[in-house]
PDB file of all heavy atoms in Angstrom:
ATOM      1  N   GLU A   1     -10.245  25.147 -31.366  1.00  0.00           N
ATOM      2  CA  GLU A   1     -11.211  24.131 -31.018  1.00  0.00           C
ATOM      3  C   GLU A   1     -12.611  24.614 -30.646  1.00  0.00           C
ATOM      4  O   GLU A   1     -13.495  23.786 -30.849  1.00  0.00           O
ATOM      5  CB  GLU A   1     -10.711  23.474 -29.687  1.00  0.00           C
ATOM      6  CG  GLU A   1      -9.372  22.660 -29.999  1.00  0.00           C
ATOM      7  CD  GLU A   1      -8.755  22.064 -28.725  1.00  0.00           C
ATOM      8  OE1 GLU A   1      -9.394  22.151 -27.541  1.00  0.00           O
ATOM      9  OE2 GLU A   1      -7.738  21.302 -28.763  1.00  0.00           O
ATOM     10  N   ASN A   2     -12.811  25.852 -30.429  1.00  0.00           N
ATOM     11  CA  ASN A   2     -14.205  26.419 -30.120  1.00  0.00           C
ATOM     12  C   ASN A   2     -14.913  25.481 -29.346  1.00  0.00           C
ATOM     13  O   ASN A   2     -16.005  25.113 -29.712  1.00  0.00           O
ATOM     14  CB  ASN A   2     -14.822  26.824 -31.510  1.00  0.00           C
ATOM     15  CG  ASN A   2     -14.386  28.034 -31.973  1.00  0.00           C
ATOM     16  OD1 ASN A   2     -13.880  28.887 -31.273  1.00  0.00           O
ATOM     17  ND2 ASN A   2     -14.637  28.325 -33.345  1.00  0.00           N
ATOM     18  N   GLU A   3     -14.413  25.086 -28.189  1.00  0.00           N
ATOM     19  CA  GLU A   3     -14.971  23.814 -27.545  1.00  0.00           C
ATOM     20  C   GLU A   3     -16.133  24.102 -26.633  1.00  0.00           C
ATOM     21  O   GLU A   3     -16.229  25.019 -25.942  1.00  0.00           O
ATOM     22  CB  GLU A   3     -13.757  23.249 -26.797  1.00  0.00           C
ATOM     23  CG  GLU A   3     -14.077  21.875 -26.215  1.00  0.00           C
ATOM     24  CD  GLU A   3     -12.947  21.247 -25.514  1.00  0.00           C
ATOM     25  OE1 GLU A   3     -11.657  21.629 -25.889  1.00  0.00           O
ATOM     26  OE2 GLU A   3     -13.118  20.335 -24.624  1.00  0.00           O
ATOM     27  N   PHE A   4     -16.993  23.089 -26.680  1.00  0.00           N
ATOM     28  CA  PHE A   4     -17.991  22.836 -25.628  1.00  0.00           C
ATOM     29  C   PHE A   4     -17.827  21.505 -25.081  1.00  0.00           C
ATOM     30  O   PHE A   4     -17.517  20.595 -25.771  1.00  0.00           O
ATOM     31  CB  PHE A   4     -19.405  22.909 -26.276  1.00  0.00           C
ATOM     32  CG  PHE A   4     -20.582  22.696 -25.303  1.00  0.00           C
ATOM     33  CD1 PHE A   4     -21.202  23.808 -24.760  1.00  0.00           C
ATOM     34  CD2 PHE A   4     -20.963  21.495 -24.960  1.00  0.00           C
ATOM     35  CE1 PHE A   4     -22.157  23.596 -23.729  1.00  0.00           C
ATOM     36  CE2 PHE A   4     -21.971  21.182 -24.039  1.00  0.00           C
ATOM     37  CZ  PHE A   4     -22.565  22.359 -23.451  1.00  0.00           C
ATOM     38  N   ARG A   5     -17.796  21.498 -23.806  1.00  0.00           N
ATOM     39  CA  ARG A   5     -17.458  20.082 -23.109  1.00  0.00           C
ATOM     40  C   ARG A   5     -18.505  19.719 -22.082  1.00  0.00           C
ATOM     41  O   ARG A   5     -19.180  20.605 -21.346  1.00  0.00           O
ATOM     42  CB  ARG A   5     -16.087  20.126 -22.623  1.00  0.00           C
ATOM     43  CG  ARG A   5     -15.680  21.071 -21.598  1.00  0.00           C
ATOM     44  CD  ARG A   5     -14.333  21.024 -21.074  1.00  0.00           C
ATOM     45  NE  ARG A   5     -13.269  20.586 -21.917  1.00  0.00           N
ATOM     46  CZ  ARG A   5     -12.008  20.652 -21.720  1.00  0.00           C
ATOM     47  NH1 ARG A   5     -11.460  21.089 -20.568  1.00  0.00           N
ATOM     48  NH2 ARG A   5     -11.073  20.259 -22.640  1.00  0.00           N
ATOM     49  N   ALA A   6     -18.622  18.422 -21.842  1.00  0.00           N
ATOM     50  CA  ALA A   6     -19.355  17.800 -20.825  1.00  0.00           C
ATOM     51  C   ALA A   6     -18.277  17.197 -19.890  1.00  0.00           C
ATOM     52  O   ALA A   6     -17.354  16.619 -20.368  1.00  0.00           O
ATOM     53  CB  ALA A   6     -20.418  16.839 -21.368  1.00  0.00           C
ATOM     54  N   LEU A   7     -18.587  17.356 -18.584  1.00  0.00           N
ATOM     55  CA  LEU A   7     -17.603  16.949 -17.541  1.00  0.00           C
ATOM     56  C   LEU A   7     -18.270  16.121 -16.544  1.00  0.00           C
ATOM     57  O   LEU A   7     -19.288  16.470 -15.847  1.00  0.00           O
ATOM     58  CB  LEU A   7     -16.969  18.113 -16.949  1.00  0.00           C
ATOM     59  CG  LEU A   7     -15.915  18.007 -15.866  1.00  0.00           C
ATOM     60  CD1 LEU A   7     -14.589  17.458 -16.449  1.00  0.00           C
ATOM     61  CD2 LEU A   7     -15.628  19.390 -15.159  1.00  0.00           C
ATOM     62  N   LEU A   8     -17.780  14.821 -16.277  1.00  0.00           N
ATOM     63  CA  LEU A   8     -18.221  14.010 -15.183  1.00  0.00           C
ATOM     64  C   LEU A   8     -17.363  14.121 -13.992  1.00  0.00           C
ATOM     65  O   LEU A   8     -16.077  14.197 -14.042  1.00  0.00           O
ATOM     66  CB  LEU A   8     -18.292  12.531 -15.706  1.00  0.00           C
ATOM     67  CG  LEU A   8     -19.259  12.155 -16.695  1.00  0.00           C
ATOM     68  CD1 LEU A   8     -19.188  10.570 -16.912  1.00  0.00           C
ATOM     69  CD2 LEU A   8     -20.705  12.537 -16.282  1.00  0.00           C
ATOM     70  N   TYR A   9     -17.803  14.005 -12.804  1.00  0.00           N
ATOM     71  CA  TYR A   9     -17.204  14.005 -11.564  1.00  0.00           C
ATOM     72  C   TYR A   9     -17.547  12.659 -10.801  1.00  0.00           C
ATOM     73  O   TYR A   9     -18.630  12.419 -10.435  1.00  0.00           O
ATOM     74  CB  TYR A   9     -17.604  15.224 -10.607  1.00  0.00           C
ATOM     75  CG  TYR A   9     -16.930  15.303  -9.392  1.00  0.00           C
ATOM     76  CD1 TYR A   9     -15.570  15.258  -9.145  1.00  0.00           C
ATOM     77  CD2 TYR A   9     -17.742  15.214  -8.145  1.00  0.00           C
ATOM     78  CE1 TYR A   9     -15.035  15.283  -7.879  1.00  0.00           C
ATOM     79  CE2 TYR A   9     -17.171  15.302  -6.854  1.00  0.00           C
ATOM     80  CZ  TYR A   9     -15.803  15.320  -6.806  1.00  0.00           C
ATOM     81  OH  TYR A   9     -15.228  15.252  -5.481  1.00  0.00           O
ATOM     82  N   GLU A  10     -16.447  12.073 -10.536  1.00  0.00           N
ATOM     83  CA  GLU A  10     -16.595  10.721  -9.846  1.00  0.00           C
ATOM     84  C   GLU A  10     -16.702  10.812  -8.273  1.00  0.00           C
ATOM     85  O   GLU A  10     -17.355   9.965  -7.728  1.00  0.00           O
ATOM     86  CB  GLU A  10     -15.511   9.709 -10.343  1.00  0.00           C
ATOM     87  CG  GLU A  10     -15.698   8.342  -9.747  1.00  0.00           C
ATOM     88  CD  GLU A  10     -14.660   7.346 -10.246  1.00  0.00           C
ATOM     89  OE1 GLU A  10     -14.320   7.427 -11.458  1.00  0.00           O
ATOM     90  OE2 GLU A  10     -14.176   6.402  -9.591  1.00  0.00           O
ATOM     91  N   GLY A  11     -16.056  11.646  -7.730  1.00  0.00           N
ATOM     92  CA  GLY A  11     -16.017  11.883  -6.375  1.00  0.00           C
ATOM     93  C   GLY A  11     -15.142  10.818  -5.750  1.00  0.00           C
ATOM     94  O   GLY A  11     -14.569  10.003  -6.296  1.00  0.00           O
ATOM     95  N   PRO A  12     -15.024  10.822  -4.361  1.00  0.00           N
ATOM     96  CA  PRO A  12     -15.811  11.655  -3.365  1.00  0.00           C
ATOM     97  C   PRO A  12     -14.986  13.017  -3.255  1.00  0.00           C
ATOM     98  O   PRO A  12     -13.873  13.147  -3.784  1.00  0.00           O
ATOM     99  CB  PRO A  12     -15.538  10.865  -2.036  1.00  0.00           C
ATOM    100  CG  PRO A  12     -14.360  10.116  -2.184  1.00  0.00           C
ATOM    101  CD  PRO A  12     -14.280   9.747  -3.624  1.00  0.00           C
ATOM    102  N   ASN A  13     -15.583  13.859  -2.494  1.00  0.00           N
ATOM    103  CA  ASN A  13     -14.955  15.270  -2.324  1.00  0.00           C
ATOM    104  C   ASN A  13     -13.670  15.164  -1.501  1.00  0.00           C
ATOM    105  O   ASN A  13     -13.536  14.301  -0.605  1.00  0.00           O
ATOM    106  CB  ASN A  13     -15.949  16.101  -1.545  1.00  0.00           C
ATOM    107  CG  ASN A  13     -17.145  16.554  -2.261  1.00  0.00           C
ATOM    108  OD1 ASN A  13     -17.099  16.602  -3.558  1.00  0.00           O
ATOM    109  ND2 ASN A  13     -18.288  16.707  -1.597  1.00  0.00           N
ATOM    110  N   GLN A  14     -12.630  15.796  -2.031  1.00  0.00           N
ATOM    111  CA  GLN A  14     -11.324  15.962  -1.366  1.00  0.00           C
ATOM    112  C   GLN A  14     -11.318  17.121  -0.532  1.00  0.00           C
ATOM    113  O   GLN A  14     -12.055  17.913  -0.484  1.00  0.00           O
ATOM    114  CB  GLN A  14     -10.328  15.915  -2.479  1.00  0.00           C
ATOM    115  CG  GLN A  14     -10.450  14.791  -3.458  1.00  0.00           C
ATOM    116  CD  GLN A  14     -10.097  13.439  -2.855  1.00  0.00           C
ATOM    117  OE1 GLN A  14      -9.626  13.364  -1.804  1.00  0.00           O
ATOM    118  NE2 GLN A  14     -10.417  12.403  -3.512  1.00  0.00           N
ATOM    119  N   VAL A  15     -10.091  17.197   0.315  1.00  0.00           N
ATOM    120  CA  VAL A  15      -9.901  18.258   1.190  1.00  0.00           C
ATOM    121  C   VAL A  15      -8.656  19.041   0.809  1.00  0.00           C
ATOM    122  O   VAL A  15      -7.700  18.357   0.223  1.00  0.00           O
ATOM    123  CB  VAL A  15      -9.944  17.875   2.624  1.00  0.00           C
ATOM    124  CG1 VAL A  15     -11.171  17.233   3.019  1.00  0.00           C
ATOM    125  CG2 VAL A  15      -8.751  16.760   2.840  1.00  0.00           C
ATOM    126  N   ILE A  16      -8.460  20.155   1.177  1.00  0.00           N
ATOM    127  CA  ILE A  16      -7.224  21.016   0.961  1.00  0.00           C
ATOM    128  C   ILE A  16      -6.483  20.780   2.359  1.00  0.00           C
ATOM    129  O   ILE A  16      -6.778  21.273   3.362  1.00  0.00           O
ATOM    130  CB  ILE A  16      -7.517  22.405   0.750  1.00  0.00           C
ATOM    131  CG1 ILE A  16      -8.306  22.502  -0.688  1.00  0.00           C
ATOM    132  CG2 ILE A  16      -6.209  23.139   0.660  1.00  0.00           C
ATOM    133  CD1 ILE A  16      -8.816  24.010  -0.876  1.00  0.00           C
ATOM    134  N   ASP A  17      -5.268  20.159   2.229  1.00  0.00           N
ATOM    135  CA  ASP A  17      -4.396  19.984   3.427  1.00  0.00           C
ATOM    136  C   ASP A  17      -3.420  21.108   3.582  1.00  0.00           C
ATOM    137  O   ASP A  17      -2.557  21.386   2.689  1.00  0.00           O
ATOM    138  CB  ASP A  17      -3.527  18.689   3.136  1.00  0.00           C
ATOM    139  CG  ASP A  17      -2.735  18.251   4.421  1.00  0.00           C
ATOM    140  OD1 ASP A  17      -2.507  19.182   5.279  1.00  0.00           O
ATOM    141  OD2 ASP A  17      -2.456  17.117   4.569  1.00  0.00           O
ATOM    142  N   LEU A  18      -3.666  21.971   4.570  1.00  0.00           N
ATOM    143  CA  LEU A  18      -2.846  23.134   4.832  1.00  0.00           C
ATOM    144  C   LEU A  18      -1.462  22.801   5.293  1.00  0.00           C
ATOM    145  O   LEU A  18      -0.561  23.816   5.282  1.00  0.00           O
ATOM    146  CB  LEU A  18      -3.565  23.997   5.826  1.00  0.00           C
ATOM    147  CG  LEU A  18      -4.828  24.653   5.376  1.00  0.00           C
ATOM    148  CD1 LEU A  18      -5.468  25.471   6.508  1.00  0.00           C
ATOM    149  CD2 LEU A  18      -4.750  25.383   4.123  1.00  0.00           C
ATOM    150  N   ARG A  19      -1.114  21.499   5.517  1.00  0.00           N
ATOM    151  CA  ARG A  19       0.263  21.272   5.786  1.00  0.00           C
ATOM    152  C   ARG A  19       1.107  20.963   4.473  1.00  0.00           C
ATOM    153  O   ARG A  19       2.248  20.725   4.479  1.00  0.00           O
ATOM    154  CB  ARG A  19       0.333  19.895   6.635  1.00  0.00           C
ATOM    155  CG  ARG A  19      -0.098  20.232   8.094  1.00  0.00           C
ATOM    156  CD  ARG A  19       0.019  18.903   8.886  1.00  0.00           C
ATOM    157  NE  ARG A  19      -0.133  19.263  10.362  1.00  0.00           N
ATOM    158  CZ  ARG A  19      -1.364  19.381  10.900  1.00  0.00           C
ATOM    159  NH1 ARG A  19      -2.465  19.140  10.069  1.00  0.00           N
ATOM    160  NH2 ARG A  19      -1.440  19.616  12.074  1.00  0.00           N
ATOM    161  N   GLY A  20       0.458  20.987   3.285  1.00  0.00           N
ATOM    162  CA  GLY A  20       0.944  20.864   2.047  1.00  0.00           C
ATOM    163  C   GLY A  20       1.465  19.513   1.721  1.00  0.00           C
ATOM    164  O   GLY A  20       2.278  19.207   0.824  1.00  0.00           O
ATOM    165  N   ARG A  21       0.808  18.379   2.282  1.00  0.00           N
ATOM    166  CA  ARG A  21       1.170  17.063   2.180  1.00  0.00           C
ATOM    167  C   ARG A  21       0.499  16.552   0.854  1.00  0.00           C
ATOM    168  O   ARG A  21      -0.539  16.952   0.470  1.00  0.00           O
ATOM    169  CB  ARG A  21       0.758  16.156   3.240  1.00  0.00           C
ATOM    170  CG  ARG A  21       1.444  16.454   4.633  1.00  0.00           C
ATOM    171  CD  ARG A  21       0.761  15.744   5.816  1.00  0.00           C
ATOM    172  NE  ARG A  21      -0.590  16.006   6.023  1.00  0.00           N
ATOM    173  CZ  ARG A  21      -1.233  15.705   7.110  1.00  0.00           C
ATOM    174  NH1 ARG A  21      -0.619  14.903   7.982  1.00  0.00           N
ATOM    175  NH2 ARG A  21      -2.560  16.067   7.242  1.00  0.00           N
ATOM    176  N   GLU A  22       1.333  15.644   0.217  1.00  0.00           N
ATOM    177  CA  GLU A  22       0.733  15.049  -1.108  1.00  0.00           C
ATOM    178  C   GLU A  22      -0.440  14.101  -0.733  1.00  0.00           C
ATOM    179  O   GLU A  22      -0.366  13.413   0.284  1.00  0.00           O
ATOM    180  CB  GLU A  22       1.845  14.380  -1.911  1.00  0.00           C
ATOM    181  CG  GLU A  22       2.765  15.296  -2.406  1.00  0.00           C
ATOM    182  CD  GLU A  22       3.794  14.701  -3.340  1.00  0.00           C
ATOM    183  OE1 GLU A  22       3.643  13.479  -3.690  1.00  0.00           O
ATOM    184  OE2 GLU A  22       4.764  15.391  -3.773  1.00  0.00           O
ATOM    185  N   TRP A  23      -1.213  13.911  -1.592  1.00  0.00           N
ATOM    186  CA  TRP A  23      -2.341  12.942  -1.402  1.00  0.00           C
ATOM    187  C   TRP A  23      -2.069  11.503  -1.734  1.00  0.00           C
ATOM    188  O   TRP A  23      -1.158  11.248  -2.557  1.00  0.00           O
ATOM    189  CB  TRP A  23      -3.480  13.327  -2.424  1.00  0.00           C
ATOM    190  CG  TRP A  23      -4.178  14.598  -2.105  1.00  0.00           C
ATOM    191  CD1 TRP A  23      -3.645  15.647  -1.429  1.00  0.00           C
ATOM    192  CD2 TRP A  23      -5.500  14.998  -2.642  1.00  0.00           C
ATOM    193  NE1 TRP A  23      -4.581  16.664  -1.414  1.00  0.00           N
ATOM    194  CE2 TRP A  23      -5.743  16.237  -2.203  1.00  0.00           C
ATOM    195  CE3 TRP A  23      -6.452  14.343  -3.334  1.00  0.00           C
ATOM    196  CZ2 TRP A  23      -6.844  16.983  -2.365  1.00  0.00           C
ATOM    197  CZ3 TRP A  23      -7.633  14.990  -3.612  1.00  0.00           C
ATOM    198  CH2 TRP A  23      -7.726  16.316  -3.136  1.00  0.00           C
ATOM    199  N   ASP A  24      -2.660  10.590  -0.983  1.00  0.00           N
ATOM    200  CA  ASP A  24      -2.742   9.222  -1.361  1.00  0.00           C
ATOM    201  C   ASP A  24      -3.881   9.000  -2.365  1.00  0.00           C
ATOM    202  O   ASP A  24      -5.006   8.993  -1.777  1.00  0.00           O
ATOM    203  CB  ASP A  24      -2.796   8.305  -0.246  1.00  0.00           C
ATOM    204  CG  ASP A  24      -1.493   8.356   0.666  1.00  0.00           C
ATOM    205  OD1 ASP A  24      -0.392   8.514   0.104  1.00  0.00           O
ATOM    206  OD2 ASP A  24      -1.711   8.282   1.988  1.00  0.00           O
ATOM    207  N   THR A  25      -3.677   9.022  -3.537  1.00  0.00           N
ATOM    208  CA  THR A  25      -4.851   9.092  -4.497  1.00  0.00           C
ATOM    209  C   THR A  25      -5.340   7.632  -4.654  1.00  0.00           C
ATOM    210  O   THR A  25      -4.656   6.709  -5.036  1.00  0.00           O
ATOM    211  CB  THR A  25      -4.315   9.531  -5.892  1.00  0.00           C
ATOM    212  OG1 THR A  25      -3.735  10.769  -5.782  1.00  0.00           O
ATOM    213  CG2 THR A  25      -5.591   9.635  -6.869  1.00  0.00           C
ATOM    214  N   PRO A  26      -6.682   7.415  -4.478  1.00  0.00           N
ATOM    215  CA  PRO A  26      -7.195   6.109  -4.643  1.00  0.00           C
ATOM    216  C   PRO A  26      -7.349   5.756  -6.184  1.00  0.00           C
ATOM    217  O   PRO A  26      -7.059   6.577  -6.979  1.00  0.00           O
ATOM    218  CB  PRO A  26      -8.659   6.247  -4.034  1.00  0.00           C
ATOM    219  CG  PRO A  26      -8.967   7.724  -4.143  1.00  0.00           C
ATOM    220  CD  PRO A  26      -7.602   8.461  -4.086  1.00  0.00           C
ATOM    221  N   ASP A  27      -7.717   4.522  -6.476  1.00  0.00           N
ATOM    222  CA  ASP A  27      -7.832   4.016  -7.800  1.00  0.00           C
ATOM    223  C   ASP A  27      -9.164   4.486  -8.428  1.00  0.00           C
ATOM    224  O   ASP A  27     -10.140   3.910  -7.912  1.00  0.00           O
ATOM    225  CB  ASP A  27      -7.665   2.637  -7.909  1.00  0.00           C
ATOM    226  CG  ASP A  27      -6.217   2.068  -7.631  1.00  0.00           C
ATOM    227  OD1 ASP A  27      -5.285   2.926  -7.939  1.00  0.00           O
ATOM    228  OD2 ASP A  27      -5.942   1.023  -7.109  1.00  0.00           O
TER     229      ASP A  27
END
């Protein structure tokens, strides 16, 4: 593929949960 890519980030910033709980991912 020899790829070059553009990447968009929608946000908001997430956090790392040290209790290892799964996220409730918004739409």
